[in-house]
């Protein structure tokens, strides 16, 4: 691939599947003139049930794939990767890698919450990375976490609202609400699509924090501070390790528009 001047290089984004497209959607809102290369490891999804060692191995291969495109920065739009493999990935490449946790809690640091709930995949919750970061920055904060594995298949089936999602949400969120949380972090890229259902269950008094929005804002500031803002190459290229049936329709739910083209690739060594 020919060398591009730094500003013109694309932004690389990867996730274990299609969920990271909710982050891409937010990035495109705040950085409309950037080229984005997205890789979703849909053949090996989900990462959230895998061991830390397997998540790291997969993430290394994802990063290596994005490096082919001479990207100027990489967004690890996967909470399981961000909470289990980010430090190792950063040691192994000179390309800046932005995760979902640090930037994702920026909004919380400006508030005076005393009790915060976190929902995510089993890997994200078990890692306790969110909890460690928050407790390090906010003394006296109380954290209540809950893995919500059924949310992902519900979203991919297009069940964003209705009786079934509400019953599942009630079951998952009840322990957090019993502890009177003041804010809830959606620590999975699928969960923003369940926002109306989650909000209905937790009520108006509990704030919902969507890290994807915060990551997009953080990315813009990072590019500005490093003189890397692009200037007009607005494009999105989608690469996946598997293309299941009805994939275009599913992608539309996450991205908000039908994809023009999907590329099938194999990133395994």
C-alpha atoms as a PDB file:
ATOM      1  CA  UNK A   1       0.000   0.000   0.000  1.00  0.00           C
ATOM      2  CA  UNK A   2       1.382   3.384  -0.951  1.00  0.00           C
ATOM      3  CA  UNK A   3       2.575   5.703   1.760  1.00  0.00           C
ATOM      4  CA  UNK A   4       0.041   8.342   2.688  1.00  0.00           C
ATOM      5  CA  UNK A   5       0.692  11.589   4.479  1.00  0.00           C
ATOM      6  CA  UNK A   6      -0.223  11.024   8.136  1.00  0.00           C
ATOM      7  CA  UNK A   7      -3.408  13.093   8.124  1.00  0.00           C
ATOM      8  CA  UNK A   8      -4.822  11.191   5.174  1.00  0.00           C
ATOM      9  CA  UNK A   9      -4.283   7.765   6.668  1.00  0.00           C
ATOM     10  CA  UNK A  10      -7.423   5.924   7.727  1.00  0.00           C
ATOM     11  CA  UNK A  11      -8.633   5.220  11.241  1.00  0.00           C
ATOM     12  CA  UNK A  12      -8.678   1.511  12.089  1.00  0.00           C
ATOM     13  CA  UNK A  13     -11.472   0.092  14.218  1.00  0.00           C
ATOM     14  CA  UNK A  14     -11.915  -3.530  15.265  1.00  0.00           C
ATOM     15  CA  UNK A  15     -14.343  -5.573  17.309  1.00  0.00           C
ATOM     16  CA  UNK A  16     -15.220  -9.228  17.875  1.00  0.00           C
ATOM     17  CA  UNK A  17     -18.152  -8.819  15.487  1.00  0.00           C
ATOM     18  CA  UNK A  18     -20.599  -6.145  14.384  1.00  0.00           C
ATOM     19  CA  UNK A  19     -21.103  -4.409  17.732  1.00  0.00           C
ATOM     20  CA  UNK A  20     -18.223  -2.005  17.135  1.00  0.00           C
ATOM     21  CA  UNK A  21     -20.242  -0.420  14.351  1.00  0.00           C
ATOM     22  CA  UNK A  22     -22.153   1.492  17.042  1.00  0.00           C
ATOM     23  CA  UNK A  23     -18.795   3.112  17.868  1.00  0.00           C
ATOM     24  CA  UNK A  24     -18.093   3.737  14.166  1.00  0.00           C
ATOM     25  CA  UNK A  25     -21.477   5.445  13.920  1.00  0.00           C
ATOM     26  CA  UNK A  26     -20.496   7.845  16.718  1.00  0.00           C
ATOM     27  CA  UNK A  27     -17.039   8.441  15.206  1.00  0.00           C
ATOM     28  CA  UNK A  28     -18.565   9.395  11.860  1.00  0.00           C
ATOM     29  CA  UNK A  29     -20.782  11.956  13.606  1.00  0.00           C
ATOM     30  CA  UNK A  30     -17.853  13.852  15.119  1.00  0.00           C
ATOM     31  CA  UNK A  31     -15.275  13.112  12.384  1.00  0.00           C
ATOM     32  CA  UNK A  32     -17.226  13.174   9.104  1.00  0.00           C
ATOM     33  CA  UNK A  33     -14.164  13.654   6.910  1.00  0.00           C
ATOM     34  CA  UNK A  34     -12.191  10.616   7.998  1.00  0.00           C
ATOM     35  CA  UNK A  35     -11.638   7.331   6.194  1.00  0.00           C
ATOM     36  CA  UNK A  36     -12.366   4.329   8.426  1.00  0.00           C
ATOM     37  CA  UNK A  37     -11.303   0.712   8.050  1.00  0.00           C
ATOM     38  CA  UNK A  38     -13.448  -1.603  10.161  1.00  0.00           C
ATOM     39  CA  UNK A  39     -12.715  -5.227  10.965  1.00  0.00           C
ATOM     40  CA  UNK A  40     -15.243  -7.448  12.729  1.00  0.00           C
ATOM     41  CA  UNK A  41     -14.118 -10.928  13.737  1.00  0.00           C
ATOM     42  CA  UNK A  42     -17.576 -12.408  13.147  1.00  0.00           C
ATOM     43  CA  UNK A  43     -16.220 -15.933  12.595  1.00  0.00           C
ATOM     44  CA  UNK A  44     -14.929 -16.094  16.182  1.00  0.00           C
ATOM     45  CA  UNK A  45     -17.528 -13.993  17.994  1.00  0.00           C
ATOM     46  CA  UNK A  46     -18.136 -13.655  20.896  1.00  0.00           C
ATOM     47  CA  UNK A  47     -14.874 -12.700  22.599  1.00  0.00           C
ATOM     48  CA  UNK A  48     -16.727 -12.104  25.862  1.00  0.00           C
ATOM     49  CA  UNK A  49     -16.894 -15.809  26.747  1.00  0.00           C
ATOM     50  CA  UNK A  50     -13.258 -16.567  25.862  1.00  0.00           C
ATOM     51  CA  UNK A  51     -10.226 -16.777  28.145  1.00  0.00           C
ATOM     52  CA  UNK A  52      -7.923 -13.790  28.534  1.00  0.00           C
ATOM     53  CA  UNK A  53      -5.201 -15.616  26.581  1.00  0.00           C
ATOM     54  CA  UNK A  54      -7.529 -16.307  23.650  1.00  0.00           C
ATOM     55  CA  UNK A  55      -8.844 -12.744  23.609  1.00  0.00           C
ATOM     56  CA  UNK A  56      -5.263 -11.446  23.434  1.00  0.00           C
ATOM     57  CA  UNK A  57      -4.373 -13.838  20.604  1.00  0.00           C
ATOM     58  CA  UNK A  58      -7.406 -12.826  18.569  1.00  0.00           C
ATOM     59  CA  UNK A  59      -6.815  -9.123  19.252  1.00  0.00           C
ATOM     60  CA  UNK A  60      -3.200  -9.383  18.064  1.00  0.00           C
ATOM     61  CA  UNK A  61      -4.412 -10.819  14.768  1.00  0.00           C
ATOM     62  CA  UNK A  62      -7.039  -8.076  14.449  1.00  0.00           C
ATOM     63  CA  UNK A  63      -4.429  -5.354  14.978  1.00  0.00           C
ATOM     64  CA  UNK A  64      -2.049  -7.015  12.529  1.00  0.00           C
ATOM     65  CA  UNK A  65      -4.788  -6.996   9.890  1.00  0.00           C
ATOM     66  CA  UNK A  66      -5.505  -3.283  10.347  1.00  0.00           C
ATOM     67  CA  UNK A  67      -1.786  -2.491  10.095  1.00  0.00           C
ATOM     68  CA  UNK A  68      -1.939  -3.544   6.446  1.00  0.00           C
ATOM     69  CA  UNK A  69      -3.871  -0.342   5.726  1.00  0.00           C
ATOM     70  CA  UNK A  70      -1.284   2.019   7.183  1.00  0.00           C
ATOM     71  CA  UNK A  71      -3.783   3.269   9.782  1.00  0.00           C
ATOM     72  CA  UNK A  72      -2.858   6.298  11.874  1.00  0.00           C
ATOM     73  CA  UNK A  73      -4.696   5.140  14.991  1.00  0.00           C
ATOM     74  CA  UNK A  74      -6.614   2.051  16.070  1.00  0.00           C
ATOM     75  CA  UNK A  75      -9.780   1.964  18.156  1.00  0.00           C
ATOM     76  CA  UNK A  76     -10.272  -1.312  20.011  1.00  0.00           C
ATOM     77  CA  UNK A  77     -14.065  -1.046  19.985  1.00  0.00           C
ATOM     78  CA  UNK A  78     -14.403  -4.242  21.970  1.00  0.00           C
ATOM     79  CA  UNK A  79     -14.851  -4.030  25.728  1.00  0.00           C
ATOM     80  CA  UNK A  80     -13.565  -7.572  26.193  1.00  0.00           C
ATOM     81  CA  UNK A  81     -10.316  -6.611  24.420  1.00  0.00           C
ATOM     82  CA  UNK A  82     -10.115  -3.246  26.185  1.00  0.00           C
ATOM     83  CA  UNK A  83     -10.421  -4.897  29.586  1.00  0.00           C
ATOM     84  CA  UNK A  84      -8.237  -7.953  28.945  1.00  0.00           C
ATOM     85  CA  UNK A  85      -5.598  -7.191  26.292  1.00  0.00           C
ATOM     86  CA  UNK A  86      -5.082  -3.458  25.756  1.00  0.00           C
ATOM     87  CA  UNK A  87      -1.856  -3.059  27.741  1.00  0.00           C
ATOM     88  CA  UNK A  88      -0.171  -5.917  25.898  1.00  0.00           C
ATOM     89  CA  UNK A  89      -1.332  -4.647  22.493  1.00  0.00           C
ATOM     90  CA  UNK A  90       0.068  -1.185  23.151  1.00  0.00           C
ATOM     91  CA  UNK A  91       3.475  -2.639  24.025  1.00  0.00           C
ATOM     92  CA  UNK A  92       3.611  -4.521  20.721  1.00  0.00           C
ATOM     93  CA  UNK A  93       2.906  -1.731  18.214  1.00  0.00           C
ATOM     94  CA  UNK A  94       3.900   1.878  17.634  1.00  0.00           C
ATOM     95  CA  UNK A  95       0.398   2.709  16.382  1.00  0.00           C
ATOM     96  CA  UNK A  96      -1.688   4.434  19.078  1.00  0.00           C
ATOM     97  CA  UNK A  97      -4.495   2.188  20.302  1.00  0.00           C
ATOM     98  CA  UNK A  98      -7.549   3.709  21.976  1.00  0.00           C
ATOM     99  CA  UNK A  99      -9.680   1.456  24.163  1.00  0.00           C
ATOM    100  CA  UNK A 100     -13.226   1.743  25.432  1.00  0.00           C
ATOM    101  CA  UNK A 101     -12.615   2.108  29.163  1.00  0.00           C
ATOM    102  CA  UNK A 102     -10.474   5.197  29.865  1.00  0.00           C
ATOM    103  CA  UNK A 103     -12.252   7.511  27.397  1.00  0.00           C
ATOM    104  CA  UNK A 104     -15.565   5.842  28.186  1.00  0.00           C
ATOM    105  CA  UNK A 105     -15.612   7.084  31.768  1.00  0.00           C
ATOM    106  CA  UNK A 106     -14.583  10.698  31.110  1.00  0.00           C
ATOM    107  CA  UNK A 107     -18.151  11.893  31.527  1.00  0.00           C
ATOM    108  CA  UNK A 108     -18.450  10.120  34.878  1.00  0.00           C
ATOM    109  CA  UNK A 109     -15.413  11.899  36.303  1.00  0.00           C
ATOM    110  CA  UNK A 110     -17.206  15.223  35.940  1.00  0.00           C
ATOM    111  CA  UNK A 111     -20.176  14.056  38.020  1.00  0.00           C
ATOM    112  CA  UNK A 112     -20.599  13.331  41.726  1.00  0.00           C
ATOM    113  CA  UNK A 113     -21.972   9.808  41.517  1.00  0.00           C
ATOM    114  CA  UNK A 114     -21.598   7.631  44.606  1.00  0.00           C
ATOM    115  CA  UNK A 115     -23.036   4.408  43.179  1.00  0.00           C
ATOM    116  CA  UNK A 116     -22.435   3.222  39.617  1.00  0.00           C
ATOM    117  CA  UNK A 117     -23.688   0.120  37.830  1.00  0.00           C
ATOM    118  CA  UNK A 118     -21.799  -1.624  35.023  1.00  0.00           C
ATOM    119  CA  UNK A 119     -23.256  -4.162  32.588  1.00  0.00           C
ATOM    120  CA  UNK A 120     -21.230  -6.023  29.968  1.00  0.00           C
ATOM    121  CA  UNK A 121     -19.997  -9.400  28.778  1.00  0.00           C
ATOM    122  CA  UNK A 122     -18.687 -12.004  31.193  1.00  0.00           C
ATOM    123  CA  UNK A 123     -15.072 -11.244  30.162  1.00  0.00           C
ATOM    124  CA  UNK A 124     -15.482  -7.502  30.732  1.00  0.00           C
ATOM    125  CA  UNK A 125     -17.184  -7.883  34.107  1.00  0.00           C
ATOM    126  CA  UNK A 126     -14.843 -10.628  35.364  1.00  0.00           C
ATOM    127  CA  UNK A 127     -11.744  -8.583  34.485  1.00  0.00           C
ATOM    128  CA  UNK A 128     -12.887  -5.822  36.902  1.00  0.00           C
ATOM    129  CA  UNK A 129     -10.933  -3.317  34.778  1.00  0.00           C
ATOM    130  CA  UNK A 130     -13.734  -0.748  34.812  1.00  0.00           C
ATOM    131  CA  UNK A 131     -13.986  -1.144  38.562  1.00  0.00           C
ATOM    132  CA  UNK A 132     -10.253  -0.652  39.129  1.00  0.00           C
ATOM    133  CA  UNK A 133     -10.085   2.435  36.914  1.00  0.00           C
ATOM    134  CA  UNK A 134     -13.130   4.053  38.496  1.00  0.00           C
ATOM    135  CA  UNK A 135     -12.047   3.354  42.070  1.00  0.00           C
ATOM    136  CA  UNK A 136      -8.586   4.721  41.318  1.00  0.00           C
ATOM    137  CA  UNK A 137     -10.023   7.999  40.045  1.00  0.00           C
ATOM    138  CA  UNK A 138     -13.085   8.357  42.290  1.00  0.00           C
ATOM    139  CA  UNK A 139     -12.421   7.699  45.950  1.00  0.00           C
ATOM    140  CA  UNK A 140     -15.325   6.212  47.884  1.00  0.00           C
ATOM    141  CA  UNK A 141     -17.254   5.199  44.770  1.00  0.00           C
ATOM    142  CA  UNK A 142     -19.308   2.006  44.971  1.00  0.00           C
ATOM    143  CA  UNK A 143     -19.475  -0.218  41.882  1.00  0.00           C
ATOM    144  CA  UNK A 144     -22.124  -2.832  41.143  1.00  0.00           C
ATOM    145  CA  UNK A 145     -21.459  -5.035  38.106  1.00  0.00           C
ATOM    146  CA  UNK A 146     -23.574  -7.527  36.191  1.00  0.00           C
ATOM    147  CA  UNK A 147     -22.827  -9.697  33.153  1.00  0.00           C
ATOM    148  CA  UNK A 148     -25.753  -9.654  30.712  1.00  0.00           C
ATOM    149  CA  UNK A 149     -24.940 -12.306  28.073  1.00  0.00           C
ATOM    150  CA  UNK A 150     -28.468 -12.590  26.666  1.00  0.00           C
ATOM    151  CA  UNK A 151     -28.500  -8.951  25.557  1.00  0.00           C
ATOM    152  CA  UNK A 152     -26.168  -9.674  22.625  1.00  0.00           C
ATOM    153  CA  UNK A 153     -28.305 -12.345  20.879  1.00  0.00           C
ATOM    154  CA  UNK A 154     -31.423 -10.263  21.511  1.00  0.00           C
ATOM    155  CA  UNK A 155     -29.857  -7.308  19.711  1.00  0.00           C
ATOM    156  CA  UNK A 156     -28.606  -9.413  16.816  1.00  0.00           C
ATOM    157  CA  UNK A 157     -32.104 -10.856  16.425  1.00  0.00           C
ATOM    158  CA  UNK A 158     -33.433  -7.285  16.229  1.00  0.00           C
ATOM    159  CA  UNK A 159     -35.366  -7.588  19.496  1.00  0.00           C
ATOM    160  CA  UNK A 160     -34.662  -4.102  20.826  1.00  0.00           C
ATOM    161  CA  UNK A 161     -37.972  -3.648  22.633  1.00  0.00           C
ATOM    162  CA  UNK A 162     -41.042  -5.583  23.691  1.00  0.00           C
ATOM    163  CA  UNK A 163     -41.949  -8.134  26.337  1.00  0.00           C
ATOM    164  CA  UNK A 164     -38.969 -10.490  25.961  1.00  0.00           C
ATOM    165  CA  UNK A 165     -36.181  -7.845  26.112  1.00  0.00           C
ATOM    166  CA  UNK A 166     -37.976  -6.143  29.017  1.00  0.00           C
ATOM    167  CA  UNK A 167     -38.220  -9.377  31.012  1.00  0.00           C
ATOM    168  CA  UNK A 168     -34.522 -10.096  30.442  1.00  0.00           C
ATOM    169  CA  UNK A 169     -33.566  -6.526  31.343  1.00  0.00           C
ATOM    170  CA  UNK A 170     -35.656  -6.633  34.513  1.00  0.00           C
ATOM    171  CA  UNK A 171     -33.909  -9.828  35.617  1.00  0.00           C
ATOM    172  CA  UNK A 172     -30.410  -8.470  34.921  1.00  0.00           C
ATOM    173  CA  UNK A 173     -30.909  -4.964  36.274  1.00  0.00           C
ATOM    174  CA  UNK A 174     -32.881  -5.759  39.435  1.00  0.00           C
ATOM    175  CA  UNK A 175     -29.776  -6.310  41.649  1.00  0.00           C
ATOM    176  CA  UNK A 176     -28.276  -3.008  40.479  1.00  0.00           C
ATOM    177  CA  UNK A 177     -31.487  -1.090  41.090  1.00  0.00           C
ATOM    178  CA  UNK A 178     -31.797  -2.705  44.543  1.00  0.00           C
ATOM    179  CA  UNK A 179     -28.480  -1.003  45.337  1.00  0.00           C
ATOM    180  CA  UNK A 180     -29.833   2.393  44.222  1.00  0.00           C
ATOM    181  CA  UNK A 181     -27.326   3.070  41.450  1.00  0.00           C
ATOM    182  CA  UNK A 182     -27.214   6.633  40.110  1.00  0.00           C
ATOM    183  CA  UNK A 183     -25.632   5.824  36.727  1.00  0.00           C
ATOM    184  CA  UNK A 184     -25.348   2.763  34.506  1.00  0.00           C
ATOM    185  CA  UNK A 185     -22.431   2.143  32.135  1.00  0.00           C
ATOM    186  CA  UNK A 186     -23.305   0.210  28.974  1.00  0.00           C
ATOM    187  CA  UNK A 187     -20.014  -1.686  28.726  1.00  0.00           C
ATOM    188  CA  UNK A 188     -20.795  -3.567  25.529  1.00  0.00           C
ATOM    189  CA  UNK A 189     -21.127  -2.173  22.006  1.00  0.00           C
ATOM    190  CA  UNK A 190     -24.426  -4.013  21.473  1.00  0.00           C
ATOM    191  CA  UNK A 191     -26.190  -2.470  24.432  1.00  0.00           C
ATOM    192  CA  UNK A 192     -26.872   1.044  23.014  1.00  0.00           C
ATOM    193  CA  UNK A 193     -29.456  -0.557  20.717  1.00  0.00           C
ATOM    194  CA  UNK A 194     -31.345  -1.621  23.847  1.00  0.00           C
ATOM    195  CA  UNK A 195     -31.274   1.922  25.251  1.00  0.00           C
ATOM    196  CA  UNK A 196     -35.088   2.447  25.219  1.00  0.00           C
ATOM    197  CA  UNK A 197     -35.731  -0.872  26.971  1.00  0.00           C
ATOM    198  CA  UNK A 198     -32.966  -0.352  29.530  1.00  0.00           C
ATOM    199  CA  UNK A 199     -34.148   3.194  30.200  1.00  0.00           C
ATOM    200  CA  UNK A 200     -37.705   1.976  30.697  1.00  0.00           C
ATOM    201  CA  UNK A 201     -36.538  -0.481  33.347  1.00  0.00           C
ATOM    202  CA  UNK A 202     -34.105   1.754  35.263  1.00  0.00           C
ATOM    203  CA  UNK A 203     -36.215   4.940  35.106  1.00  0.00           C
ATOM    204  CA  UNK A 204     -35.402   8.593  34.623  1.00  0.00           C
ATOM    205  CA  UNK A 205     -33.422   9.020  37.838  1.00  0.00           C
ATOM    206  CA  UNK A 206     -30.586   6.756  36.678  1.00  0.00           C
ATOM    207  CA  UNK A 207     -28.247   8.195  34.028  1.00  0.00           C
ATOM    208  CA  UNK A 208     -27.079   5.953  31.190  1.00  0.00           C
ATOM    209  CA  UNK A 209     -23.433   6.256  30.127  1.00  0.00           C
ATOM    210  CA  UNK A 210     -22.619   5.212  26.542  1.00  0.00           C
ATOM    211  CA  UNK A 211     -18.815   4.875  26.236  1.00  0.00           C
ATOM    212  CA  UNK A 212     -18.986   4.795  22.417  1.00  0.00           C
ATOM    213  CA  UNK A 213     -19.983   8.462  22.364  1.00  0.00           C
ATOM    214  CA  UNK A 214     -17.196   9.382  24.756  1.00  0.00           C
ATOM    215  CA  UNK A 215     -14.619   7.414  22.744  1.00  0.00           C
ATOM    216  CA  UNK A 216     -15.581   9.304  19.570  1.00  0.00           C
ATOM    217  CA  UNK A 217     -15.078  12.639  21.353  1.00  0.00           C
ATOM    218  CA  UNK A 218     -11.766  11.445  22.804  1.00  0.00           C
ATOM    219  CA  UNK A 219     -10.592  10.271  19.368  1.00  0.00           C
ATOM    220  CA  UNK A 220     -11.352  13.667  17.834  1.00  0.00           C
ATOM    221  CA  UNK A 221      -9.336  15.447  20.544  1.00  0.00           C
ATOM    222  CA  UNK A 222      -6.477  12.976  20.113  1.00  0.00           C
ATOM    223  CA  UNK A 223      -6.313  13.594  16.347  1.00  0.00           C
ATOM    224  CA  UNK A 224      -6.499  17.363  16.845  1.00  0.00           C
ATOM    225  CA  UNK A 225      -3.748  17.360  19.477  1.00  0.00           C
ATOM    226  CA  UNK A 226      -1.487  15.288  17.225  1.00  0.00           C
ATOM    227  CA  UNK A 227      -2.243  17.202  14.021  1.00  0.00           C
ATOM    228  CA  UNK A 228      -3.846  14.115  12.458  1.00  0.00           C
ATOM    229  CA  UNK A 229      -7.332  15.346  11.552  1.00  0.00           C
ATOM    230  CA  UNK A 230      -8.299  14.190   8.056  1.00  0.00           C
ATOM    231  CA  UNK A 231      -9.678  16.556   5.449  1.00  0.00           C
ATOM    232  CA  UNK A 232     -12.177  15.011   3.143  1.00  0.00           C
ATOM    233  CA  UNK A 233     -11.596  11.300   2.537  1.00  0.00           C
ATOM    234  CA  UNK A 234     -14.963  10.334   4.005  1.00  0.00           C
ATOM    235  CA  UNK A 235     -15.261   6.577   3.492  1.00  0.00           C
ATOM    236  CA  UNK A 236     -15.989   3.374   5.368  1.00  0.00           C
ATOM    237  CA  UNK A 237     -14.586  -0.016   4.375  1.00  0.00           C
ATOM    238  CA  UNK A 238     -16.024  -3.062   6.138  1.00  0.00           C
ATOM    239  CA  UNK A 239     -14.087  -6.299   6.585  1.00  0.00           C
ATOM    240  CA  UNK A 240     -15.381  -9.389   8.384  1.00  0.00           C
ATOM    241  CA  UNK A 241     -14.044 -12.881   9.008  1.00  0.00           C
ATOM    242  CA  UNK A 242     -17.491 -14.342   8.286  1.00  0.00           C
ATOM    243  CA  UNK A 243     -20.629 -13.101   6.559  1.00  0.00           C
ATOM    244  CA  UNK A 244     -23.672 -14.834   8.064  1.00  0.00           C
ATOM    245  CA  UNK A 245     -27.141 -14.837   6.515  1.00  0.00           C
ATOM    246  CA  UNK A 246     -29.074 -11.547   6.674  1.00  0.00           C
ATOM    247  CA  UNK A 247     -25.816  -9.802   7.599  1.00  0.00           C
ATOM    248  CA  UNK A 248     -26.588  -6.616   5.687  1.00  0.00           C
ATOM    249  CA  UNK A 249     -29.830  -6.171   7.582  1.00  0.00           C
ATOM    250  CA  UNK A 250     -28.100  -6.741  10.915  1.00  0.00           C
ATOM    251  CA  UNK A 251     -25.349  -4.258  10.012  1.00  0.00           C
ATOM    252  CA  UNK A 252     -27.974  -1.634   9.181  1.00  0.00           C
ATOM    253  CA  UNK A 253     -29.337  -1.897  12.727  1.00  0.00           C
ATOM    254  CA  UNK A 254     -25.906  -1.062  14.131  1.00  0.00           C
ATOM    255  CA  UNK A 255     -24.667   1.429  11.562  1.00  0.00           C
ATOM    256  CA  UNK A 256     -27.929   3.110  10.623  1.00  0.00           C
ATOM    257  CA  UNK A 257     -27.452   2.483   6.903  1.00  0.00           C
ATOM    258  CA  UNK A 258     -27.026  -0.480   4.573  1.00  0.00           C
ATOM    259  CA  UNK A 259     -23.382  -1.237   3.733  1.00  0.00           C
ATOM    260  CA  UNK A 260     -22.350  -0.746   0.122  1.00  0.00           C
ATOM    261  CA  UNK A 261     -19.881  -3.603   0.184  1.00  0.00           C
ATOM    262  CA  UNK A 262     -18.655  -6.170   2.696  1.00  0.00           C
ATOM    263  CA  UNK A 263     -15.239  -7.797   2.348  1.00  0.00           C
ATOM    264  CA  UNK A 264     -14.643 -11.325   3.606  1.00  0.00           C
ATOM    265  CA  UNK A 265     -11.114 -11.917   4.979  1.00  0.00           C
ATOM    266  CA  UNK A 266      -9.168 -14.457   7.008  1.00  0.00           C
ATOM    267  CA  UNK A 267      -6.917 -12.979   9.684  1.00  0.00           C
ATOM    268  CA  UNK A 268      -5.805 -16.150  11.427  1.00  0.00           C
ATOM    269  CA  UNK A 269      -2.085 -16.862  11.324  1.00  0.00           C
END
